[in-house]
């Protein structure tokens, strides 16, 4: 067998398959690979909301080339560099200790649906620690499973880099419908200057701020951590589309809420790479369309 790319996480009767993030943190992912199999207990963190810590530790510190995420997303397995403990985000969580946020080193991404993981992990607060095992997956060839798809397909093309996505019609039905109604959209994309690695779509018909106003109910404006898809900012005079394609981030330090519109599917690394050039190279063409 070649290099291990996928691991299995056995927790509370579930077998969760995850992909090691060698492209994000090569040294830390290699340390996890070398430490397999790992056994420990998962328990509710005291400061980080929907994050469960794992008693198993890695003999690794962040190395040059390893990314550090200030925000995390559901399904991310990470390393706390201050304790060398592993942790998994299973919902709205951010790795923290009593002094504040901790930069987490991304290790692996769990695929498929996360509903059952979130349900069981939320019970740790009431039921206490549960055993967890991380080992080599028998399947080292199949792509990582996508979350369940329940919406229409769209495509985004940023300066020639195309990515596929799905409308979140089950999560934000009215926002997704309003967004679909204005497609296709063509305009410019820039990086934001106050929200980290976040792509902002500028609508040529939207005035000086490039707005794309949509009718979105407040009940669907509920997401603070942004990653792996598109969101709607409902605040005037900046209403419009924001796309998180590089690493997890937030607007206003997590105080601003956005409505989820779509998530990327398949391999969107080319789009990610192009988005990463916006800060240095400036605006680029962006088209969003139904497929």
Protein backbone atom coordinates (compact mmCIF):
# COMPACT_ATOMS: atom_id res chain seq x y z
CA UNK A 1 0.00 0.00 0.00
CA UNK A 2 1.20 3.55 -0.78
CA UNK A 3 1.13 6.50 1.55
CA UNK A 4 -1.85 6.65 3.89
CA UNK A 5 -4.27 9.36 2.75
CA UNK A 6 -7.45 8.33 4.57
CA UNK A 7 -8.11 7.37 8.18
CA UNK A 8 -11.14 5.95 9.95
CA UNK A 9 -12.46 7.47 13.17
CA UNK A 10 -14.40 5.01 15.33
CA UNK A 11 -16.57 6.87 17.83
CA UNK A 12 -19.84 5.99 19.60
CA UNK A 13 -20.77 3.25 17.13
CA UNK A 14 -19.88 5.35 14.09
CA UNK A 15 -17.13 4.77 11.54
CA UNK A 16 -16.17 8.13 10.04
CA UNK A 17 -13.77 8.31 7.12
CA UNK A 18 -11.45 11.32 6.95
CA UNK A 19 -8.82 12.63 4.56
CA UNK A 20 -5.46 13.81 5.85
CA UNK A 21 -4.78 17.46 4.95
CA UNK A 22 -1.21 17.14 3.70
CA UNK A 23 -1.70 20.22 1.54
CA UNK A 24 -2.56 22.36 4.58
CA UNK A 25 -0.21 21.01 7.27
CA UNK A 26 2.27 18.50 5.81
CA UNK A 27 4.42 18.05 8.92
CA UNK A 28 1.50 17.64 11.33
CA UNK A 29 -0.32 15.27 8.96
CA UNK A 30 2.86 13.20 8.66
CA UNK A 31 3.09 13.05 12.45
CA UNK A 32 -0.49 11.77 12.67
CA UNK A 33 0.20 9.23 9.95
CA UNK A 34 3.26 7.95 11.81
CA UNK A 35 1.34 7.70 15.10
CA UNK A 36 -1.47 5.50 13.77
CA UNK A 37 -3.32 3.75 15.27
CA UNK A 38 -4.32 6.11 18.07
CA UNK A 39 -6.71 5.35 20.91
CA UNK A 40 -8.09 7.71 23.50
CA UNK A 41 -11.24 9.29 24.88
CA UNK A 42 -13.28 12.13 23.43
CA UNK A 43 -14.71 14.68 25.84
CA UNK A 44 -16.50 18.02 25.63
CA UNK A 45 -14.14 20.99 25.65
CA UNK A 46 -14.70 23.55 28.38
CA UNK A 47 -14.21 26.70 26.30
CA UNK A 48 -14.73 25.89 22.63
CA UNK A 49 -18.48 25.24 22.19
CA UNK A 50 -19.05 22.39 19.74
CA UNK A 51 -15.51 21.04 19.83
CA UNK A 52 -14.58 17.73 21.41
CA UNK A 53 -11.06 17.16 22.58
CA UNK A 54 -9.30 13.81 22.34
CA UNK A 55 -7.00 12.61 25.10
CA UNK A 56 -4.52 11.22 22.55
CA UNK A 57 -1.58 13.49 21.82
CA UNK A 58 0.84 13.90 18.92
CA UNK A 59 4.57 14.42 19.46
CA UNK A 60 4.48 17.32 17.02
CA UNK A 61 4.77 21.09 17.00
CA UNK A 62 3.74 23.32 14.09
CA UNK A 63 6.50 23.37 11.49
CA UNK A 64 7.24 25.70 8.57
CA UNK A 65 4.64 24.97 5.92
CA UNK A 66 1.91 23.97 8.38
CA UNK A 67 -1.11 26.26 8.25
CA UNK A 68 -2.78 27.47 11.43
CA UNK A 69 -6.53 28.13 11.39
CA UNK A 70 -8.01 30.80 13.61
CA UNK A 71 -11.51 29.47 12.86
CA UNK A 72 -12.64 25.89 12.35
CA UNK A 73 -15.54 24.19 10.59
CA UNK A 74 -17.62 21.05 11.28
CA UNK A 75 -15.75 17.86 10.43
CA UNK A 76 -12.26 19.32 10.94
CA UNK A 77 -9.84 17.24 12.99
CA UNK A 78 -7.11 19.48 14.35
CA UNK A 79 -4.08 19.71 16.60
CA UNK A 80 -3.95 22.07 19.56
CA UNK A 81 -0.30 23.16 19.43
CA UNK A 82 -0.37 24.31 23.06
CA UNK A 83 -1.24 20.86 24.44
CA UNK A 84 -0.52 18.59 21.42
CA UNK A 85 -4.01 17.16 21.92
CA UNK A 86 -6.26 16.28 19.01
CA UNK A 87 -9.72 17.81 18.71
CA UNK A 88 -12.69 17.62 16.34
CA UNK A 89 -15.11 20.43 15.52
CA UNK A 90 -18.62 19.02 15.19
CA UNK A 91 -20.71 22.20 14.92
CA UNK A 92 -20.40 25.87 15.85
CA UNK A 93 -17.12 25.76 17.65
CA UNK A 94 -13.78 27.52 17.84
CA UNK A 95 -10.76 26.08 19.61
CA UNK A 96 -10.08 28.15 22.74
CA UNK A 97 -8.68 28.04 26.24
CA UNK A 98 -9.17 30.34 29.21
CA UNK A 99 -7.01 33.01 27.57
CA UNK A 100 -8.83 33.10 24.23
CA UNK A 101 -8.73 31.60 20.77
CA UNK A 102 -6.03 29.09 19.84
CA UNK A 103 -4.66 28.73 16.33
CA UNK A 104 -5.47 25.14 15.33
CA UNK A 105 -3.34 23.06 12.96
CA UNK A 106 -5.63 21.27 10.46
CA UNK A 107 -5.01 17.52 10.33
CA UNK A 108 -7.90 15.81 8.56
CA UNK A 109 -11.40 16.44 7.21
CA UNK A 110 -14.28 14.07 7.92
CA UNK A 111 -16.48 13.33 4.93
CA UNK A 112 -20.16 12.55 4.49
CA UNK A 113 -23.02 13.70 6.66
CA UNK A 114 -22.20 14.95 10.15
CA UNK A 115 -25.66 14.97 11.71
CA UNK A 116 -25.13 11.85 13.81
CA UNK A 117 -21.63 12.93 14.85
CA UNK A 118 -23.04 16.24 16.09
CA UNK A 119 -25.89 14.53 17.93
CA UNK A 120 -23.64 12.09 19.77
CA UNK A 121 -20.87 14.60 20.44
CA UNK A 122 -23.35 17.03 21.98
CA UNK A 123 -24.22 14.29 24.49
CA UNK A 124 -20.67 14.25 25.87
CA UNK A 125 -21.62 17.18 28.07
CA UNK A 126 -24.17 14.93 29.81
CA UNK A 127 -22.70 11.44 29.45
CA UNK A 128 -18.99 12.08 29.88
CA UNK A 129 -16.01 10.91 27.84
CA UNK A 130 -16.35 8.14 25.27
CA UNK A 131 -13.68 5.96 23.63
CA UNK A 132 -12.40 7.04 20.23
CA UNK A 133 -9.98 5.29 17.88
CA UNK A 134 -8.20 6.63 14.82
CA UNK A 135 -6.68 4.14 12.41
CA UNK A 136 -5.74 3.38 8.85
CA UNK A 137 -8.75 3.22 6.54
CA UNK A 138 -9.13 0.10 4.44
CA UNK A 139 -10.19 2.33 1.54
CA UNK A 140 -7.28 4.45 0.35
CA UNK A 141 -8.61 5.14 -3.15
CA UNK A 142 -12.23 6.36 -3.08
CA UNK A 143 -12.87 10.12 -2.92
CA UNK A 144 -13.99 11.55 0.39
CA UNK A 145 -17.76 11.28 0.70
CA UNK A 146 -19.73 14.48 0.09
CA UNK A 147 -22.46 15.64 2.48
CA UNK A 148 -25.97 14.78 1.26
CA UNK A 149 -26.93 16.86 -1.79
CA UNK A 150 -30.42 18.39 -1.80
CA UNK A 151 -30.12 21.43 -4.04
CA UNK A 152 -29.59 22.52 -7.61
CA UNK A 153 -26.10 22.58 -9.08
CA UNK A 154 -24.28 25.79 -9.90
CA UNK A 155 -20.84 26.64 -11.27
CA UNK A 156 -18.43 29.44 -10.41
CA UNK A 157 -15.66 30.55 -12.75
CA UNK A 158 -12.97 32.82 -11.34
CA UNK A 159 -10.50 34.01 -14.01
CA UNK A 160 -10.82 30.67 -15.82
CA UNK A 161 -10.78 28.48 -12.68
CA UNK A 162 -14.09 26.63 -12.51
CA UNK A 163 -15.66 25.06 -9.42
CA UNK A 164 -18.89 23.16 -8.89
CA UNK A 165 -21.27 23.87 -6.03
CA UNK A 166 -24.75 23.00 -4.81
CA UNK A 167 -27.42 25.42 -3.59
CA UNK A 168 -28.30 24.88 0.08
CA UNK A 169 -32.02 24.70 -0.58
CA UNK A 170 -32.59 22.49 2.46
CA UNK A 171 -30.63 24.78 4.80
CA UNK A 172 -31.62 28.24 3.53
CA UNK A 173 -34.59 27.65 1.21
CA UNK A 174 -35.66 31.28 0.74
CA UNK A 175 -32.13 32.65 0.45
CA UNK A 176 -31.15 29.93 -2.04
CA UNK A 177 -34.30 30.57 -4.11
CA UNK A 178 -33.66 34.33 -4.17
CA UNK A 179 -30.05 33.74 -5.21
CA UNK A 180 -31.01 31.28 -7.96
CA UNK A 181 -33.52 33.81 -9.33
CA UNK A 182 -30.78 36.36 -10.09
CA UNK A 183 -28.39 33.90 -11.77
CA UNK A 184 -26.38 34.13 -13.90
CA UNK A 185 -24.26 36.83 -12.35
CA UNK A 186 -21.12 38.30 -13.86
CA UNK A 187 -18.85 40.78 -12.17
CA UNK A 188 -15.56 41.18 -10.41
CA UNK A 189 -14.06 39.43 -7.42
CA UNK A 190 -11.66 40.84 -4.85
CA UNK A 191 -10.44 39.72 -1.46
CA UNK A 192 -12.14 41.48 1.42
CA UNK A 193 -10.00 43.78 3.54
CA UNK A 194 -11.54 43.19 6.95
CA UNK A 195 -12.55 39.52 7.01
CA UNK A 196 -9.49 37.45 6.22
CA UNK A 197 -9.30 35.20 3.14
CA UNK A 198 -12.83 35.90 1.91
CA UNK A 199 -13.76 36.60 -1.72
CA UNK A 200 -16.20 39.44 -2.34
CA UNK A 201 -18.37 39.52 -5.48
CA UNK A 202 -18.85 43.00 -6.98
CA UNK A 203 -22.01 43.34 -9.05
CA UNK A 204 -21.60 45.95 -11.84
CA UNK A 205 -25.30 46.82 -11.43
CA UNK A 206 -24.95 47.30 -7.67
CA UNK A 207 -23.61 50.84 -7.35
CA UNK A 208 -20.38 51.87 -5.70
CA UNK A 209 -20.42 48.93 -3.29
CA UNK A 210 -21.29 46.35 -5.96
CA UNK A 211 -24.37 45.17 -4.09
CA UNK A 212 -26.50 42.15 -4.98
CA UNK A 213 -29.58 42.66 -2.76
CA UNK A 214 -31.69 39.58 -2.05
CA UNK A 215 -34.88 39.02 -0.07
CA UNK A 216 -33.62 36.83 2.78
CA UNK A 217 -35.45 36.25 6.08
CA UNK A 218 -33.57 36.96 9.29
CA UNK A 219 -34.09 33.35 10.38
CA UNK A 220 -31.74 32.21 7.63
CA UNK A 221 -29.01 34.73 8.52
CA UNK A 222 -27.38 32.41 11.02
CA UNK A 223 -23.80 31.52 10.04
CA UNK A 224 -20.72 33.12 11.62
CA UNK A 225 -17.85 30.84 10.58
CA UNK A 226 -17.47 30.81 6.81
CA UNK A 227 -15.85 28.01 4.84
CA UNK A 228 -16.21 25.99 1.67
CA UNK A 229 -18.99 27.89 -0.05
CA UNK A 230 -20.98 31.07 -0.56
CA UNK A 231 -22.92 33.28 1.82
CA UNK A 232 -25.17 36.32 1.70
CA UNK A 233 -24.36 39.45 3.70
CA UNK A 234 -27.60 41.33 4.39
CA UNK A 235 -26.08 44.50 5.88
CA UNK A 236 -26.53 47.71 3.88
CA UNK A 237 -24.72 49.15 1.96
CA UNK A 238 -22.60 46.01 1.47
CA UNK A 239 -25.35 43.50 0.65
CA UNK A 240 -24.14 40.70 -1.54
CA UNK A 241 -22.21 37.50 -2.04
CA UNK A 242 -19.16 36.44 -0.05
CA UNK A 243 -17.27 33.27 -0.91
CA UNK A 244 -15.01 31.35 1.48
CA UNK A 245 -12.69 29.26 -0.68
CA UNK A 246 -9.33 29.31 1.09
CA UNK A 247 -9.56 28.62 4.83
CA UNK A 248 -12.16 29.17 7.56
CA UNK A 249 -12.78 32.80 8.40
CA UNK A 250 -15.42 35.14 9.82
CA UNK A 251 -16.67 38.69 9.39
CA UNK A 252 -16.33 41.14 12.25
CA UNK A 253 -14.44 38.60 14.33
CA UNK A 254 -17.42 36.27 14.22
CA UNK A 255 -19.95 38.89 15.30
CA UNK A 256 -21.55 39.28 11.86
CA UNK A 257 -23.96 36.59 10.68
CA UNK A 258 -24.51 35.62 7.03
CA UNK A 259 -27.00 33.36 5.26
CA UNK A 260 -25.52 30.16 3.74
CA UNK A 261 -26.22 29.98 -0.01
CA UNK A 262 -24.13 27.18 -1.50
CA UNK A 263 -21.27 24.81 -0.76
CA UNK A 264 -18.51 23.63 -3.04
CA UNK A 265 -18.54 20.04 -4.27
CA UNK A 266 -15.82 17.87 -5.76
CA UNK A 267 -12.34 19.28 -6.28
CA UNK A 268 -12.31 23.08 -6.00
CA UNK A 269 -8.56 23.46 -5.48
CA UNK A 270 -8.10 25.44 -8.73
CA UNK A 271 -10.70 27.97 -7.58
CA UNK A 272 -9.03 28.12 -4.17
CA UNK A 273 -5.64 28.78 -5.74
CA UNK A 274 -7.01 31.54 -7.94
CA UNK A 275 -8.81 33.17 -5.00
CA UNK A 276 -5.52 33.23 -3.12
CA UNK A 277 -4.02 35.49 -5.81
CA UNK A 278 -6.59 38.27 -5.40
CA UNK A 279 -4.76 40.09 -2.61
CA UNK A 280 -1.61 40.55 -4.70
CA UNK A 281 -3.06 40.67 -8.21
CA UNK A 282 -6.29 42.57 -7.62
CA UNK A 283 -9.75 42.06 -9.08
CA UNK A 284 -10.59 39.23 -11.45
CA UNK A 285 -13.66 38.22 -13.44
CA UNK A 286 -16.20 36.02 -11.67
CA UNK A 287 -19.25 34.31 -13.15
CA UNK A 288 -21.86 32.35 -11.18
CA UNK A 289 -24.49 30.29 -13.05
CA UNK A 290 -26.93 27.45 -12.76
CA UNK A 291 -25.87 24.24 -14.50
